[in-house]
Protein backbone atom coordinates (compact mmCIF):
# COMPACT_ATOMS: atom_id res chain seq x y z
CA MET A 1 35.09 -9.80 -1.59
CA PRO A 2 32.29 -10.18 -4.85
CA ASP A 3 30.10 -7.65 -5.42
CA PRO A 4 26.65 -9.16 -4.64
CA THR A 5 24.94 -6.60 -7.09
CA GLU A 6 27.20 -8.42 -10.12
CA PRO A 7 25.63 -12.08 -10.71
CA SER A 8 29.06 -12.58 -12.49
CA THR A 9 31.49 -12.21 -9.34
CA GLY A 10 30.41 -15.00 -6.99
CA ALA A 11 31.97 -17.27 -4.29
CA PRO A 12 34.34 -19.48 -5.80
CA ALA A 13 33.06 -22.86 -7.00
CA PRO A 14 33.98 -25.00 -3.89
CA THR A 15 35.30 -29.08 -4.68
CA ALA A 16 31.93 -30.32 -3.17
CA PRO A 17 28.92 -31.01 -5.39
CA VAL A 18 27.31 -27.87 -4.40
CA GLY A 19 23.42 -27.19 -5.30
CA ARG A 20 22.34 -24.69 -7.85
CA VAL A 21 22.66 -20.56 -8.09
CA ALA A 22 19.24 -18.63 -8.31
CA ALA A 23 18.29 -15.15 -8.42
CA PHE A 24 15.08 -14.17 -5.95
CA PHE A 25 13.49 -11.03 -7.64
CA ASP A 26 10.39 -9.10 -5.76
CA VAL A 27 8.12 -7.66 -8.87
CA ASP A 28 6.20 -4.58 -7.68
CA ASN A 29 8.49 -1.24 -7.29
CA THR A 30 11.10 -3.74 -8.18
CA ILE A 31 10.83 -5.16 -11.62
CA ILE A 32 7.73 -3.21 -12.38
CA ARG A 33 7.53 0.39 -11.50
CA GLY A 34 3.80 0.36 -8.97
CA ALA A 35 1.79 -2.50 -7.79
CA SER A 36 1.33 -4.87 -10.63
CA SER A 37 -1.55 -5.83 -9.26
CA PHE A 38 -3.55 -2.79 -9.87
CA HIS A 39 -2.93 -2.30 -13.27
CA LEU A 40 -4.71 -6.19 -13.32
CA ALA A 41 -7.45 -4.25 -11.49
CA VAL A 42 -8.07 -1.75 -13.92
CA GLY A 43 -8.60 -4.34 -16.90
CA LEU A 44 -10.33 -6.37 -15.13
CA TYR A 45 -12.98 -3.12 -14.58
CA ARG A 46 -13.03 -2.21 -18.21
CA ARG A 47 -14.07 -6.04 -18.65
CA GLY A 48 -16.71 -5.29 -16.65
CA PHE A 49 -15.67 -7.38 -13.41
CA PHE A 50 -16.66 -4.65 -10.71
CA GLN A 51 -17.62 -1.45 -9.67
CA ARG A 52 -16.29 1.98 -9.92
CA ALA A 53 -15.84 2.52 -5.87
CA ASP A 54 -13.83 -0.86 -5.74
CA ILE A 55 -11.25 0.82 -8.89
CA VAL A 56 -10.85 3.50 -7.03
CA ARG A 57 -10.14 1.84 -3.82
CA PHE A 58 -7.37 0.33 -5.63
CA ALA A 59 -6.05 3.17 -6.86
CA VAL A 60 -5.90 4.61 -3.58
CA HIS A 61 -3.76 2.37 -3.04
CA GLN A 62 -1.77 2.27 -5.59
CA ILE A 63 -0.77 6.39 -5.05
CA ARG A 64 -0.32 5.44 -1.48
CA TYR A 65 2.50 2.85 -2.15
CA LEU A 66 3.89 4.32 -4.58
CA THR A 67 4.24 7.04 -2.35
CA PHE A 68 4.91 5.57 1.01
CA GLY A 69 5.75 2.08 0.43
CA GLU A 70 3.64 -0.93 1.63
CA ASN A 71 1.11 -0.98 4.42
CA ARG A 72 0.25 -4.63 5.40
CA GLN A 73 -2.94 -3.61 6.18
CA GLN A 74 -3.59 -1.72 3.33
CA ILE A 75 -2.65 -4.90 1.53
CA ASP A 76 -5.01 -7.23 3.52
CA GLU A 77 -8.24 -5.41 2.98
CA VAL A 78 -7.80 -5.13 -1.13
CA ARG A 79 -6.77 -8.69 -0.86
CA GLN A 80 -10.00 -9.71 0.39
CA ARG A 81 -11.95 -7.25 -1.19
CA ALA A 82 -10.21 -8.52 -4.71
CA LEU A 83 -10.80 -11.96 -3.62
CA GLU A 84 -14.94 -11.21 -3.12
CA ILE A 85 -14.63 -9.89 -6.31
CA MET A 86 -13.21 -12.87 -8.47
CA HIS A 87 -15.74 -14.99 -6.65
CA GLY A 88 -16.91 -17.36 -9.39
CA ARG A 89 -14.66 -15.51 -12.41
CA SER A 90 -13.43 -18.30 -14.77
CA VAL A 91 -9.59 -18.73 -14.47
CA ALA A 92 -8.90 -18.65 -18.09
CA GLU A 93 -10.48 -15.62 -18.47
CA VAL A 94 -8.68 -13.83 -16.28
CA VAL A 95 -5.35 -15.18 -17.39
CA ALA A 96 -6.38 -14.05 -20.81
CA ILE A 97 -7.03 -10.34 -19.52
CA ALA A 98 -4.09 -10.71 -17.54
CA GLU A 99 -1.96 -11.47 -20.40
CA ASP A 100 -3.52 -8.30 -22.49
CA ILE A 101 -2.54 -6.08 -19.35
CA TYR A 102 0.97 -7.08 -19.75
CA ASP A 103 1.59 -5.96 -23.32
CA GLU A 104 -0.80 -2.85 -23.12
CA VAL A 105 0.91 -1.68 -19.69
CA LEU A 106 3.41 -3.68 -17.58
CA SER A 107 5.56 -4.24 -20.56
CA LEU A 108 5.95 -0.89 -20.61
CA ARG A 109 6.37 -0.28 -16.93
CA ILE A 110 9.94 -2.69 -16.31
CA PHE A 111 12.41 -0.33 -14.82
CA PRO A 112 15.34 -1.27 -17.55
CA GLY A 113 18.34 -1.54 -14.77
CA THR A 114 16.48 -4.07 -12.86
CA GLN A 115 16.03 -5.86 -16.35
CA ARG A 116 19.50 -5.61 -17.18
CA LEU A 117 20.16 -7.07 -14.00
CA LEU A 118 17.71 -10.55 -14.29
CA ASP A 119 19.50 -11.20 -18.03
CA GLN A 120 22.91 -10.92 -16.25
CA HIS A 121 21.63 -13.83 -13.43
CA LEU A 122 20.45 -15.93 -17.05
CA ARG A 123 23.41 -15.17 -19.22
CA ALA A 124 25.06 -16.53 -16.35
CA GLY A 125 23.26 -19.34 -15.67
CA HIS A 126 21.66 -19.13 -12.39
CA GLU A 127 18.20 -19.92 -12.11
CA VAL A 128 16.06 -16.50 -12.20
CA TRP A 129 12.70 -16.12 -10.00
CA LEU A 130 9.94 -13.77 -9.40
CA VAL A 131 9.13 -14.12 -5.27
CA THR A 132 5.86 -11.60 -4.89
CA ALA A 133 2.28 -11.32 -3.70
CA THR A 134 0.86 -10.61 -7.01
CA PRO A 135 -1.23 -13.29 -7.75
CA THR A 136 0.18 -16.07 -9.66
CA GLU A 137 -1.56 -15.49 -12.71
CA ILE A 138 0.36 -12.16 -13.29
CA ALA A 139 3.55 -13.88 -11.95
CA ASP A 140 3.44 -16.35 -14.36
CA ILE A 141 3.08 -14.49 -17.28
CA ILE A 142 5.20 -12.05 -15.82
CA ALA A 143 8.28 -14.24 -15.75
CA ARG A 144 7.79 -16.09 -18.93
CA ARG A 145 8.07 -12.43 -20.84
CA LEU A 146 11.11 -12.25 -18.65
CA GLY A 147 12.27 -15.57 -19.98
CA ALA A 148 12.64 -16.19 -15.98
CA THR A 149 12.71 -19.46 -14.35
CA GLY A 150 9.29 -19.41 -12.74
CA ALA A 151 7.44 -17.53 -10.30
CA LEU A 152 6.26 -17.90 -6.69
CA GLY A 153 3.28 -15.70 -6.45
CA THR A 154 -0.04 -15.94 -4.53
CA ILE A 155 -2.68 -18.31 -5.07
CA ALA A 156 -6.51 -18.10 -5.79
CA GLU A 157 -8.27 -21.17 -5.23
CA HIS A 158 -10.33 -22.66 -8.59
CA LYS A 159 -12.36 -25.85 -8.48
CA ASP A 160 -12.91 -26.74 -12.03
CA GLY A 161 -12.21 -23.36 -13.79
CA PHE A 162 -13.75 -20.59 -11.64
CA TYR A 163 -12.61 -19.28 -8.44
CA THR A 164 -13.79 -20.25 -5.05
CA GLY A 165 -13.27 -16.34 -3.14
CA ARG A 166 -10.22 -17.88 -1.33
CA LEU A 167 -6.81 -18.79 -1.07
CA VAL A 168 -4.89 -21.68 -0.93
CA GLY A 169 -2.16 -21.21 1.59
CA ASP A 170 -1.29 -17.01 2.82
CA LEU A 171 -0.51 -13.99 0.86
CA LEU A 172 2.85 -14.33 -0.32
CA HIS A 173 4.26 -11.50 1.31
CA GLY A 174 6.91 -10.82 4.31
CA ARG A 175 8.12 -14.02 6.44
CA ALA A 176 5.87 -16.21 4.13
CA LYS A 177 7.92 -15.21 1.07
CA ALA A 178 11.22 -16.65 2.96
CA GLU A 179 9.21 -19.77 3.50
CA ALA A 180 8.36 -20.54 0.17
CA VAL A 181 11.70 -19.90 -0.98
CA ARG A 182 13.54 -22.17 1.35
CA ALA A 183 11.31 -24.83 0.12
CA LEU A 184 11.56 -24.03 -3.41
CA ALA A 185 15.48 -24.57 -2.53
CA ASP A 186 14.97 -27.93 -0.64
CA ARG A 187 12.89 -29.11 -3.58
CA GLU A 188 15.12 -27.83 -6.51
CA GLY A 189 18.27 -28.29 -4.97
CA LEU A 190 19.56 -24.04 -4.84
CA ASP A 191 22.10 -23.04 -2.86
CA LEU A 192 20.83 -19.98 -0.69
CA GLU A 193 24.43 -19.26 0.11
CA ARG A 194 25.93 -18.72 -3.07
CA SER A 195 22.49 -16.78 -4.13
CA PHE A 196 20.98 -13.41 -5.25
CA ALA A 197 17.70 -11.63 -3.87
CA TYR A 198 16.56 -8.27 -5.08
CA GLY A 199 13.20 -6.30 -3.08
CA ASP A 200 12.44 -2.77 -2.75
CA SER A 201 10.35 -3.04 0.86
CA THR A 202 11.05 -3.31 4.22
CA ASN A 203 8.79 -6.31 4.10
CA ASP A 204 11.26 -8.29 1.53
CA VAL A 205 14.03 -7.77 4.41
CA PRO A 206 13.34 -12.01 5.12
CA ILE A 207 13.78 -13.03 1.87
CA LEU A 208 16.70 -10.54 1.63
CA SER A 209 18.10 -12.13 4.63
CA GLU A 210 17.96 -15.40 3.00
CA VAL A 211 20.28 -15.65 0.62
CA GLY A 212 24.09 -15.03 0.36
CA PHE A 213 23.91 -11.75 -1.76
CA PRO A 214 21.41 -9.35 -1.24
CA CYS A 215 20.98 -6.12 -2.71
CA ALA A 216 17.83 -3.81 -2.04
CA ILE A 217 16.67 -1.89 -5.66
CA ASN A 218 14.44 1.23 -5.78
CA PRO A 219 14.54 0.90 -1.66
CA ASP A 220 11.69 2.63 0.69
CA GLY A 221 13.06 4.45 3.47
CA ARG A 222 12.74 2.06 5.73
CA LEU A 223 14.70 -0.73 3.67
CA ARG A 224 17.42 2.17 2.74
CA LYS A 225 18.08 1.97 6.81
CA HIS A 226 18.58 -1.11 7.27
CA ALA A 227 20.11 -2.01 4.31
CA ALA A 228 22.31 0.85 5.46
CA GLU A 229 22.73 -0.43 9.26
CA VAL A 230 23.50 -3.50 8.15
CA GLY A 231 25.92 -3.22 5.37
CA TRP A 232 23.56 -4.28 1.93
CA PRO A 233 24.16 -2.30 -1.40
CA MET A 234 21.51 -0.59 -3.11
CA ARG A 235 20.24 -0.23 -6.18
CA GLU A 236 18.31 2.92 -7.25
CA PHE A 237 16.84 2.40 -11.02
CA ARG A 238 14.03 5.21 -10.83
CA GLY A 239 16.18 8.13 -12.46
CA ARG A 240 17.64 11.20 -10.73
CA ARG A 241 14.06 12.18 -9.96
CA ASN A 242 12.81 9.69 -7.96
CA ALA A 243 16.64 9.15 -6.17
CA THR A 244 15.58 10.13 -2.81
CA ARG A 245 12.46 9.34 -2.48
CA ARG A 246 9.42 7.17 -3.85
CA GLY A 247 7.62 9.76 -6.35
CA VAL A 248 4.47 9.20 -8.13
CA ASP A 249 5.16 8.89 -12.37
CA ALA A 250 3.39 10.87 -15.42
CA ALA A 251 1.65 7.04 -16.06
CA THR A 252 -0.16 7.41 -11.82
CA ILE A 253 -0.76 11.05 -12.16
CA ALA A 254 -2.42 10.13 -15.17
CA GLY A 255 -4.61 7.57 -13.72
CA SER A 256 -5.40 9.29 -10.44
CA ALA A 257 -6.74 12.07 -13.14
CA TRP A 258 -8.93 8.99 -14.38
CA VAL A 259 -10.07 7.75 -10.90
CA LEU A 260 -10.91 11.25 -10.44
CA GLY A 261 -13.17 11.80 -13.19
CA LEU A 262 -14.63 8.39 -12.25
CA VAL A 263 -16.22 9.68 -8.77
CA VAL A 264 -16.78 13.21 -10.77
CA ARG A 265 -18.81 11.04 -12.76
CA THR A 266 -20.90 9.14 -10.38
CA ALA A 267 -21.26 12.22 -8.57
CA ARG A 268 -22.66 14.02 -10.57
CA ARG A 269 -24.98 11.11 -11.74
CA ALA A 270 -26.33 10.53 -8.42
CA ILE A 271 -27.02 14.68 -7.82
CA ARG A 272 -28.90 14.81 -10.85
CA SER A 273 -30.96 11.22 -9.79
CA ARG A 274 -31.81 12.96 -6.57
CA TRP A 275 -33.32 16.18 -8.51
CA GLY A 276 -34.87 14.50 -10.76
CA ALA A 277 -36.61 12.63 -8.35
CA ARG A 278 -38.24 15.48 -6.56
């Protein structure tokens, strides 16, 4: 039986024509440590897109995500606030900022093990698609920089080059990922039975279940349990320190300290203003 974690070993090619092989990668905590959208939010905050209370909210979500894994309610809350913030903003400006964020932050947070796995698929002639709840603006950049075929991400509606504050469709998450992959396979002639998928969360089970060769990468506790029950292979690229749990790395600790500093400074100013007004 072929090893699903090795793209160079697949099912023998049948004599009849078949669809092309693809590898589908989740992004957050599969390719990149943490939530890529959080780092985009930090970049937007530093360029005056929104207030400190918003970045504190996003930072809390990032810490919870790194520590406990995905939570749909939290994701929905962050999504709604982000859409409100982006209403009326220029798409071109956000894309330019996303390019900078990739160079400054995201490129340094790519798991080398996942990078090697992705490169193996490309060398084997497979299509490589990123499938993520991350906005398409940053998903497309990550895919392009990694040499992937393309990306499927959450689409924020825009008109005449400016965001409307609404989504096109739903957040690309959970079952929506599987539906998007099936639609892509039909459109592009991909053979899902001979294809691969990689994800870190129990919310990736639908997309992992769509392919012949699923693999859990850096799995959270629930996905680890499910993968063990159904016999899916698992790969751990977080390093020995994080082999048994989702840890908070030094960059996240530094980011948390920065956010805490914002809160403290804001509180001090509020106190001074209150006493000064008396």
